[in-house]
Structure formats: C-alpha cells, structure tokens
Amino acid sequence: MVATYGLAPGDWEKLFVAQGGKCWICRRYKAKAVDHDHSCCSGKTSCGRCVRGLLCGTCNGILGRWRDAIEVLLRAVEYLRNPPARRILGLPPLENGAL
C-alpha cells in the first residue's frame, strides 16, 4: 500500500492513528482505503503528494463515482436538507433535516 500511493514508511499508520482508525467522511467505519486526488494521478496509484486521507470503501467509492465533483456533493447536501418532494407534493418543509 505504501508503494502504491507514494507514501513514506509510517505515513499510512500516522494517518490511521490521527483519524482514530475511522473513515474521515462518515466516521463510522474503519479507514481502509487511501484516497487521493485523481486530477493529479488518474490511475490506481498516486505520487504521494495528492493523498487526501483514509476512507472506508463506501465513502471512497462515492467520491470515485461522483468524480470528486464538489457541485454534486453540494447538491446532495441540498437534497437532504430540502427534498424536492416536500415542495412538489405540498408537504411541509423539514425542521432541521428531520421529518
């Protein structure tokens, strides 16, 4: 894993400990995947300078599927905060994102 992502010896462990062993995004699952910026290194390997952190497989997969598109992630946040069905179906707005 160290060679694949251009990490120096001990870097993966340093990240893992700093993150409490958990995925940086969801904080629920064990961090197993090294996430890197694909605009720098588009393949399955990294130069090491574009490593962002450790994620669980699910969160890493979501970023990959959405191609790190911040506008898509922000749209997902807005969707959760203000679901279109509430407006379209004439339902009352959500209070702090809860039913």
Protein backbone atom coordinates (compact mmCIF):
# COMPACT_ATOMS: atom_id res chain seq x y z
CA MET A 1 0.00 0.00 0.00
CA VAL A 2 2.82 2.41 0.80
CA ALA A 3 4.43 1.99 -2.63
CA THR A 4 1.10 2.17 -4.48
CA TYR A 5 0.22 5.57 -3.04
CA GLY A 6 3.69 7.08 -2.79
CA LEU A 7 3.60 7.20 0.99
CA ALA A 8 6.77 7.19 3.05
CA PRO A 9 7.20 4.35 5.55
CA GLY A 10 5.00 5.07 8.56
CA ASP A 11 2.74 7.57 6.75
CA TRP A 12 -0.25 5.22 6.50
CA GLU A 13 -0.02 4.42 10.20
CA LYS A 14 0.30 8.13 11.02
CA LEU A 15 -2.88 8.89 9.08
CA PHE A 16 -4.71 5.93 10.62
CA VAL A 17 -3.86 6.97 14.18
CA ALA A 18 -4.63 10.65 13.53
CA GLN A 19 -8.05 9.67 12.17
CA GLY A 20 -8.76 7.36 15.10
CA GLY A 21 -8.84 4.43 12.70
CA LYS A 22 -12.12 5.69 11.23
CA CYS A 23 -13.14 6.97 7.82
CA TRP A 24 -12.64 10.73 7.65
CA ILE A 25 -16.03 11.32 5.99
CA CYS A 26 -18.56 9.05 7.72
CA ARG A 27 -16.58 8.40 10.92
CA ARG A 28 -18.47 5.10 11.25
CA TYR A 29 -16.34 2.52 9.52
CA LYS A 30 -12.71 1.52 9.64
CA ALA A 31 -10.47 3.52 7.33
CA LYS A 32 -9.04 1.06 4.83
CA ALA A 33 -8.77 2.97 1.55
CA VAL A 34 -6.14 5.58 0.75
CA ASP A 35 -7.94 8.41 -1.03
CA HIS A 36 -6.04 10.57 -3.49
CA ASP A 37 -6.89 13.36 -5.92
CA HIS A 38 -7.44 11.76 -9.33
CA SER A 39 -6.93 15.08 -11.10
CA CYS A 40 -3.27 14.72 -10.10
CA CYS A 41 -2.85 10.96 -10.56
CA SER A 42 -5.68 9.49 -12.60
CA GLY A 43 -4.84 5.82 -12.14
CA LYS A 44 -4.89 3.45 -9.19
CA THR A 45 -1.52 4.69 -7.97
CA SER A 46 -0.50 8.05 -6.56
CA CYS A 47 2.60 10.20 -6.46
CA GLY A 48 2.03 10.67 -2.72
CA ARG A 49 1.59 14.43 -2.91
CA CYS A 50 -2.11 14.09 -3.75
CA VAL A 51 -3.07 11.71 -0.92
CA ARG A 52 -6.00 13.26 0.95
CA GLY A 53 -6.60 10.78 3.75
CA LEU A 54 -8.08 7.41 4.63
CA LEU A 55 -11.67 6.46 3.91
CA CYS A 56 -13.92 3.43 4.20
CA GLY A 57 -14.64 1.63 0.96
CA THR A 58 -18.14 3.08 0.66
CA CYS A 59 -17.10 6.73 1.03
CA ASN A 60 -14.12 6.22 -1.27
CA GLY A 61 -16.44 4.65 -3.85
CA ILE A 62 -18.91 7.52 -3.63
CA LEU A 63 -16.18 10.09 -4.31
CA GLY A 64 -14.98 7.98 -7.21
CA ARG A 65 -18.44 7.55 -8.73
CA TRP A 66 -19.12 11.26 -8.41
CA ARG A 67 -15.62 12.01 -9.77
CA ASP A 68 -14.82 14.30 -6.81
CA ALA A 69 -17.36 16.82 -8.18
CA ILE A 70 -17.94 19.28 -5.36
CA GLU A 71 -21.08 20.63 -7.06
CA VAL A 72 -22.61 17.12 -6.97
CA LEU A 73 -21.76 16.72 -3.30
CA LEU A 74 -23.29 20.12 -2.51
CA ARG A 75 -26.41 19.19 -4.49
CA ALA A 76 -26.68 16.00 -2.39
CA VAL A 77 -26.48 18.10 0.79
CA GLU A 78 -29.20 20.44 -0.51
CA TYR A 79 -31.32 17.42 -1.50
CA LEU A 80 -31.13 16.07 2.05
CA ARG A 81 -31.85 19.47 3.59
CA ASN A 82 -34.65 20.43 1.21
CA PRO A 83 -36.06 17.35 -0.56
CA PRO A 84 -37.87 18.36 -3.76
CA ALA A 85 -40.79 16.02 -2.98
CA ARG A 86 -41.70 18.23 0.01
CA ARG A 87 -42.23 21.21 -2.31
CA ILE A 88 -43.66 19.31 -5.30
CA LEU A 89 -46.17 17.36 -3.21
CA GLY A 90 -47.07 20.32 -1.00
CA LEU A 91 -45.63 18.75 2.16
CA PRO A 92 -44.38 20.97 4.99
CA PRO A 93 -40.65 21.77 4.99
CA LEU A 94 -38.36 19.65 7.11
CA GLU A 95 -37.32 21.00 10.50
CA ASN A 96 -33.51 20.85 10.62
CA GLY A 97 -33.47 18.00 8.11
CA ALA A 98 -35.77 15.74 10.19
CA LEU A 99 -39.29 14.53 9.45
